[in-house]
Every structure is written in structure tokens, then in C-alpha cells.
């Protein structure tokens, strides 16, 4: 790739990184073409992109996008690296990667950035195992609504007991 091509790649990648809700760096060494296409399809459904570039171009782009310095560490940017950019939901692309990694031994997390904060490999694995946003919202609503339903039930039981007692006294 010539210098002009590299400049274009860096410009596009740095813009994508600036606008990203989340960024994940993964090692895809050994992943066959069919699996790569499957991963791209899954990520596209979650409004996410996967970009493969040279580590030096990723480093320059990350620096231009003002990502945390830890993301450009030489230990992270070594070997084959793909950048996964979450455009809408910050967690769903990481969950997709986690599920894909559990099905395919060749995909491994390197590191990431979530809401502007650096996440190491272990944190990315933990984030990938979180329930989906819809499940979390449902659990939260259930946790809030549960005590209210119990209170209403108890109040109705007390009213029914009072009505029963009054009926027995009147009758």
C-alpha cells in the first residue's frame, strides 16, 4: 500500500474510532474465510464493523482518535489484529465476539475501549458474558415491580379479610 492509501485508511479508521460507542481489538489468527464472513455478518446485524489493518496504522488511528494510550501497547498491537467498532449499542458487538469466540477457538480478545475507558482482555471477556440490554431492562423492571405487586396483594388480602369479618358480624 502506498503512502496515500495509508493516509486514507488512517483517516477513515480514526474517524470511525472517534465516533465509536465501543472498540474491541481481537486476534483472528487462524480464522478461515468462511468464519470471517460469518463474523462480519453477525456484527453487521448489530450495526458494528470489523476492520483489519496493519498494527502501525491502528496505532496511528487510535492516537488521532485520542483513545486511551494502553490500547496502543506493543503487547496488544502484535500479530494479526482486527478492530471491531460498535456504532449503536456499546455492549452488543462485544457480546457477539464473545459468543463467536466460544464457538471458534481462533478468535481471541486483546483489549478494548468502552465508553472511553480502556478494558483489558479479562474485562472484555466479562463484558461479553453480560446479559443483553433487553434482558437487563426486564430484570430491572421485575425487581422494581415485584415489591409493588406484593404490597398490592397484601393490601387486597387485608381488605378481603376486613370484608369477611364485617360480613360475619352483620350476617
C-alpha atoms as a PDB file:
ATOM      1  CA  UNK A   1       0.000   0.000   0.000  1.00  0.00           C
ATOM      2  CA  UNK A   2       1.366   3.406  -0.934  1.00  0.00           C
ATOM      3  CA  UNK A   3       1.557   6.426   1.363  1.00  0.00           C
ATOM      4  CA  UNK A   4      -1.662   7.965   0.006  1.00  0.00           C
ATOM      5  CA  UNK A   5      -3.565   4.709   0.619  1.00  0.00           C
ATOM      6  CA  UNK A   6      -2.237   4.521   4.175  1.00  0.00           C
ATOM      7  CA  UNK A   7      -3.308   8.127   4.797  1.00  0.00           C
ATOM      8  CA  UNK A   8      -6.830   7.319   3.632  1.00  0.00           C
ATOM      9  CA  UNK A   9      -7.003   4.190   5.828  1.00  0.00           C
ATOM     10  CA  UNK A  10      -5.771   6.135   8.874  1.00  0.00           C
ATOM     11  CA  UNK A  11      -8.232   8.977   8.235  1.00  0.00           C
ATOM     12  CA  UNK A  12     -11.220   6.658   7.866  1.00  0.00           C
ATOM     13  CA  UNK A  13     -10.227   4.469  10.807  1.00  0.00           C
ATOM     14  CA  UNK A  14      -9.549   7.393  13.149  1.00  0.00           C
ATOM     15  CA  UNK A  15     -12.946   8.934  12.285  1.00  0.00           C
ATOM     16  CA  UNK A  16     -14.658   5.593  12.962  1.00  0.00           C
ATOM     17  CA  UNK A  17     -12.802   5.240  16.267  1.00  0.00           C
ATOM     18  CA  UNK A  18     -13.788   8.772  17.358  1.00  0.00           C
ATOM     19  CA  UNK A  19     -17.478   8.086  16.639  1.00  0.00           C
ATOM     20  CA  UNK A  20     -17.491   4.570  18.161  1.00  0.00           C
ATOM     21  CA  UNK A  21     -19.522   3.632  21.223  1.00  0.00           C
ATOM     22  CA  UNK A  22     -17.107   0.741  21.797  1.00  0.00           C
ATOM     23  CA  UNK A  23     -13.904  -0.598  20.277  1.00  0.00           C
ATOM     24  CA  UNK A  24     -12.614  -4.151  20.567  1.00  0.00           C
ATOM     25  CA  UNK A  25      -9.271  -5.411  19.356  1.00  0.00           C
ATOM     26  CA  UNK A  26      -9.211  -9.109  18.562  1.00  0.00           C
ATOM     27  CA  UNK A  27      -6.682 -11.648  17.360  1.00  0.00           C
ATOM     28  CA  UNK A  28      -8.130 -13.616  14.461  1.00  0.00           C
ATOM     29  CA  UNK A  29      -5.042 -15.618  13.525  1.00  0.00           C
ATOM     30  CA  UNK A  30      -6.133 -18.976  12.071  1.00  0.00           C
ATOM     31  CA  UNK A  31      -9.714 -17.913  11.337  1.00  0.00           C
ATOM     32  CA  UNK A  32     -10.757 -19.177   7.903  1.00  0.00           C
ATOM     33  CA  UNK A  33     -12.513 -17.014   5.304  1.00  0.00           C
ATOM     34  CA  UNK A  34     -15.922 -18.621   5.852  1.00  0.00           C
ATOM     35  CA  UNK A  35     -15.739 -17.926   9.599  1.00  0.00           C
ATOM     36  CA  UNK A  36     -14.594 -14.346   8.963  1.00  0.00           C
ATOM     37  CA  UNK A  37     -17.586 -13.774   6.690  1.00  0.00           C
ATOM     38  CA  UNK A  38     -19.914 -15.265   9.310  1.00  0.00           C
ATOM     39  CA  UNK A  39     -18.464 -12.949  11.958  1.00  0.00           C
ATOM     40  CA  UNK A  40     -18.831  -9.900   9.667  1.00  0.00           C
ATOM     41  CA  UNK A  41     -22.479 -10.823   9.034  1.00  0.00           C
ATOM     42  CA  UNK A  42     -23.237 -11.156  12.756  1.00  0.00           C
ATOM     43  CA  UNK A  43     -21.548  -7.848  13.537  1.00  0.00           C
ATOM     44  CA  UNK A  44     -23.339  -6.047  10.696  1.00  0.00           C
ATOM     45  CA  UNK A  45     -26.683  -7.117  12.234  1.00  0.00           C
ATOM     46  CA  UNK A  46     -25.616  -5.281  15.409  1.00  0.00           C
ATOM     47  CA  UNK A  47     -24.642  -2.118  13.492  1.00  0.00           C
ATOM     48  CA  UNK A  48     -20.959  -2.874  14.010  1.00  0.00           C
ATOM     49  CA  UNK A  49     -17.974  -3.032  11.698  1.00  0.00           C
ATOM     50  CA  UNK A  50     -14.832  -5.123  11.660  1.00  0.00           C
ATOM     51  CA  UNK A  51     -11.717  -3.609  10.124  1.00  0.00           C
ATOM     52  CA  UNK A  52      -8.420  -5.350   9.505  1.00  0.00           C
ATOM     53  CA  UNK A  53      -5.387  -3.073   9.214  1.00  0.00           C
ATOM     54  CA  UNK A  54      -1.695  -3.095   9.970  1.00  0.00           C
ATOM     55  CA  UNK A  55      -0.888  -2.591  13.632  1.00  0.00           C
ATOM     56  CA  UNK A  56       1.063   0.597  12.899  1.00  0.00           C
ATOM     57  CA  UNK A  57      -1.970   2.099  11.129  1.00  0.00           C
ATOM     58  CA  UNK A  58      -4.223   1.067  14.026  1.00  0.00           C
ATOM     59  CA  UNK A  59      -1.804   2.746  16.458  1.00  0.00           C
ATOM     60  CA  UNK A  60      -1.720   5.999  14.476  1.00  0.00           C
ATOM     61  CA  UNK A  61      -5.526   5.979  14.123  1.00  0.00           C
ATOM     62  CA  UNK A  62      -6.045   5.285  17.842  1.00  0.00           C
ATOM     63  CA  UNK A  63      -3.690   8.131  18.730  1.00  0.00           C
ATOM     64  CA  UNK A  64      -5.515  10.514  16.374  1.00  0.00           C
ATOM     65  CA  UNK A  65      -8.864   9.431  17.844  1.00  0.00           C
ATOM     66  CA  UNK A  66      -7.464  10.101  21.331  1.00  0.00           C
ATOM     67  CA  UNK A  67      -8.199   6.605  22.614  1.00  0.00           C
ATOM     68  CA  UNK A  68      -6.548   5.607  25.913  1.00  0.00           C
ATOM     69  CA  UNK A  69      -2.788   5.051  25.485  1.00  0.00           C
ATOM     70  CA  UNK A  70      -2.991   1.498  26.864  1.00  0.00           C
ATOM     71  CA  UNK A  71      -4.803   0.350  23.708  1.00  0.00           C
ATOM     72  CA  UNK A  72      -1.697   1.010  21.613  1.00  0.00           C
ATOM     73  CA  UNK A  73       0.668  -1.015  23.796  1.00  0.00           C
ATOM     74  CA  UNK A  74       3.075  -3.189  21.790  1.00  0.00           C
ATOM     75  CA  UNK A  75       1.862  -6.327  23.569  1.00  0.00           C
ATOM     76  CA  UNK A  76      -1.684  -5.622  22.356  1.00  0.00           C
ATOM     77  CA  UNK A  77      -0.804  -4.460  18.855  1.00  0.00           C
ATOM     78  CA  UNK A  78       1.195  -7.509  17.828  1.00  0.00           C
ATOM     79  CA  UNK A  79       0.277 -10.309  15.469  1.00  0.00           C
ATOM     80  CA  UNK A  80      -2.917 -10.155  13.452  1.00  0.00           C
ATOM     81  CA  UNK A  81      -5.322  -7.548  14.782  1.00  0.00           C
ATOM     82  CA  UNK A  82      -8.869  -6.725  13.789  1.00  0.00           C
ATOM     83  CA  UNK A  83     -10.715  -3.682  15.110  1.00  0.00           C
ATOM     84  CA  UNK A  84     -14.404  -4.131  15.896  1.00  0.00           C
ATOM     85  CA  UNK A  85     -16.303  -0.869  16.155  1.00  0.00           C
ATOM     86  CA  UNK A  86     -19.671  -0.680  17.896  1.00  0.00           C
ATOM     87  CA  UNK A  87     -21.707   2.150  16.424  1.00  0.00           C
ATOM     88  CA  UNK A  88     -25.030   1.918  18.299  1.00  0.00           C
ATOM     89  CA  UNK A  89     -25.037  -0.295  21.372  1.00  0.00           C
ATOM     90  CA  UNK A  90     -21.601  -0.435  23.021  1.00  0.00           C
ATOM     91  CA  UNK A  91     -22.016  -3.922  24.502  1.00  0.00           C
ATOM     92  CA  UNK A  92     -23.745  -5.960  21.775  1.00  0.00           C
ATOM     93  CA  UNK A  93     -20.712  -6.255  19.446  1.00  0.00           C
ATOM     94  CA  UNK A  94     -18.597  -7.401  22.400  1.00  0.00           C
ATOM     95  CA  UNK A  95     -21.247  -9.989  23.241  1.00  0.00           C
ATOM     96  CA  UNK A  96     -21.263 -11.176  19.629  1.00  0.00           C
ATOM     97  CA  UNK A  97     -17.473 -11.503  19.723  1.00  0.00           C
ATOM     98  CA  UNK A  98     -17.651 -13.424  22.999  1.00  0.00           C
ATOM     99  CA  UNK A  99     -20.224 -15.841  21.646  1.00  0.00           C
ATOM    100  CA  UNK A 100     -18.253 -16.271  18.422  1.00  0.00           C
ATOM    101  CA  UNK A 101     -15.026 -16.854  20.396  1.00  0.00           C
ATOM    102  CA  UNK A 102     -16.752 -19.573  22.423  1.00  0.00           C
ATOM    103  CA  UNK A 103     -17.729 -21.295  19.151  1.00  0.00           C
ATOM    104  CA  UNK A 104     -14.383 -20.728  17.439  1.00  0.00           C
ATOM    105  CA  UNK A 105     -11.017 -21.254  19.116  1.00  0.00           C
ATOM    106  CA  UNK A 106      -9.148 -18.893  16.798  1.00  0.00           C
ATOM    107  CA  UNK A 107     -10.798 -15.609  17.821  1.00  0.00           C
ATOM    108  CA  UNK A 108      -9.370 -14.059  20.993  1.00  0.00           C
ATOM    109  CA  UNK A 109      -9.881 -10.716  22.703  1.00  0.00           C
ATOM    110  CA  UNK A 110      -6.827  -8.477  23.003  1.00  0.00           C
ATOM    111  CA  UNK A 111      -8.302  -5.359  24.635  1.00  0.00           C
ATOM    112  CA  UNK A 112     -10.930  -2.695  24.072  1.00  0.00           C
ATOM    113  CA  UNK A 113     -12.394   0.669  24.884  1.00  0.00           C
ATOM    114  CA  UNK A 114     -15.889   1.014  26.309  1.00  0.00           C
ATOM    115  CA  UNK A 115     -17.329   4.467  26.988  1.00  0.00           C
ATOM    116  CA  UNK A 116     -13.847   5.971  26.645  1.00  0.00           C
ATOM    117  CA  UNK A 117     -12.284   3.656  29.235  1.00  0.00           C
ATOM    118  CA  UNK A 118      -9.611   1.058  28.487  1.00  0.00           C
ATOM    119  CA  UNK A 119     -10.659  -2.547  29.086  1.00  0.00           C
ATOM    120  CA  UNK A 120      -8.094  -5.333  29.243  1.00  0.00           C
ATOM    121  CA  UNK A 121      -8.602  -8.822  27.809  1.00  0.00           C
ATOM    122  CA  UNK A 122     -10.176 -10.197  31.002  1.00  0.00           C
ATOM    123  CA  UNK A 123     -12.629  -7.281  31.275  1.00  0.00           C
ATOM    124  CA  UNK A 124     -13.665  -7.754  27.649  1.00  0.00           C
ATOM    125  CA  UNK A 125     -14.395 -11.436  28.302  1.00  0.00           C
ATOM    126  CA  UNK A 126     -16.517 -10.499  31.340  1.00  0.00           C
ATOM    127  CA  UNK A 127     -18.388  -7.818  29.376  1.00  0.00           C
ATOM    128  CA  UNK A 128     -19.074 -10.344  26.616  1.00  0.00           C
ATOM    129  CA  UNK A 129     -20.864 -12.560  29.139  1.00  0.00           C
ATOM    130  CA  UNK A 130     -23.254  -9.853  30.350  1.00  0.00           C
ATOM    131  CA  UNK A 131     -26.937 -10.383  29.565  1.00  0.00           C
ATOM    132  CA  UNK A 132     -28.320  -8.337  26.668  1.00  0.00           C
ATOM    133  CA  UNK A 133     -29.742  -4.862  27.230  1.00  0.00           C
ATOM    134  CA  UNK A 134     -33.323  -6.133  26.839  1.00  0.00           C
ATOM    135  CA  UNK A 135     -32.775  -8.843  29.471  1.00  0.00           C
ATOM    136  CA  UNK A 136     -31.246  -6.333  31.894  1.00  0.00           C
ATOM    137  CA  UNK A 137     -34.152  -3.916  31.394  1.00  0.00           C
ATOM    138  CA  UNK A 138     -36.600  -6.766  32.019  1.00  0.00           C
ATOM    139  CA  UNK A 139     -34.771  -7.796  35.193  1.00  0.00           C
ATOM    140  CA  UNK A 140     -34.748  -4.198  36.435  1.00  0.00           C
ATOM    141  CA  UNK A 141     -38.464  -3.740  35.775  1.00  0.00           C
ATOM    142  CA  UNK A 142     -39.157  -7.045  37.511  1.00  0.00           C
ATOM    143  CA  UNK A 143     -37.074  -6.036  40.527  1.00  0.00           C
ATOM    144  CA  UNK A 144     -38.945  -2.725  40.794  1.00  0.00           C
ATOM    145  CA  UNK A 145     -42.418  -4.094  40.077  1.00  0.00           C
ATOM    146  CA  UNK A 146     -42.134  -7.195  42.309  1.00  0.00           C
ATOM    147  CA  UNK A 147     -42.393  -5.409  45.674  1.00  0.00           C
ATOM    148  CA  UNK A 148     -45.235  -3.225  44.386  1.00  0.00           C
ATOM    149  CA  UNK A 149     -47.244  -6.287  43.366  1.00  0.00           C
ATOM    150  CA  UNK A 150     -46.565  -7.855  46.770  1.00  0.00           C
ATOM    151  CA  UNK A 151     -47.783  -4.681  48.517  1.00  0.00           C
ATOM    152  CA  UNK A 152     -50.961  -4.567  46.421  1.00  0.00           C
ATOM    153  CA  UNK A 153     -51.562  -8.254  47.126  1.00  0.00           C
ATOM    154  CA  UNK A 154     -51.165  -7.742  50.870  1.00  0.00           C
ATOM    155  CA  UNK A 155     -53.467  -4.712  50.853  1.00  0.00           C
ATOM    156  CA  UNK A 156     -56.109  -6.613  48.876  1.00  0.00           C
ATOM    157  CA  UNK A 157     -55.845  -9.546  51.286  1.00  0.00           C
ATOM    158  CA  UNK A 158     -56.323  -7.207  54.248  1.00  0.00           C
ATOM    159  CA  UNK A 159     -59.370  -5.603  52.615  1.00  0.00           C
ATOM    160  CA  UNK A 160     -60.835  -9.040  51.822  1.00  0.00           C
ATOM    161  CA  UNK A 161     -60.251 -10.110  55.438  1.00  0.00           C
ATOM    162  CA  UNK A 162     -61.984  -6.941  56.711  1.00  0.00           C
ATOM    163  CA  UNK A 163     -64.941  -7.539  54.371  1.00  0.00           C
ATOM    164  CA  UNK A 164     -65.189 -11.143  55.560  1.00  0.00           C
ATOM    165  CA  UNK A 165     -65.126 -10.077  59.209  1.00  0.00           C
ATOM    166  CA  UNK A 166     -67.779  -7.378  58.636  1.00  0.00           C
ATOM    167  CA  UNK A 167     -69.971  -9.808  56.707  1.00  0.00           C
ATOM    168  CA  UNK A 168     -69.787 -12.324  59.544  1.00  0.00           C
ATOM    169  CA  UNK A 169     -70.703  -9.673  62.147  1.00  0.00           C
ATOM    170  CA  UNK A 170     -73.598  -8.269  60.062  1.00  0.00           C
ATOM    171  CA  UNK A 171     -74.981 -11.593  58.999  1.00  0.00           C
END
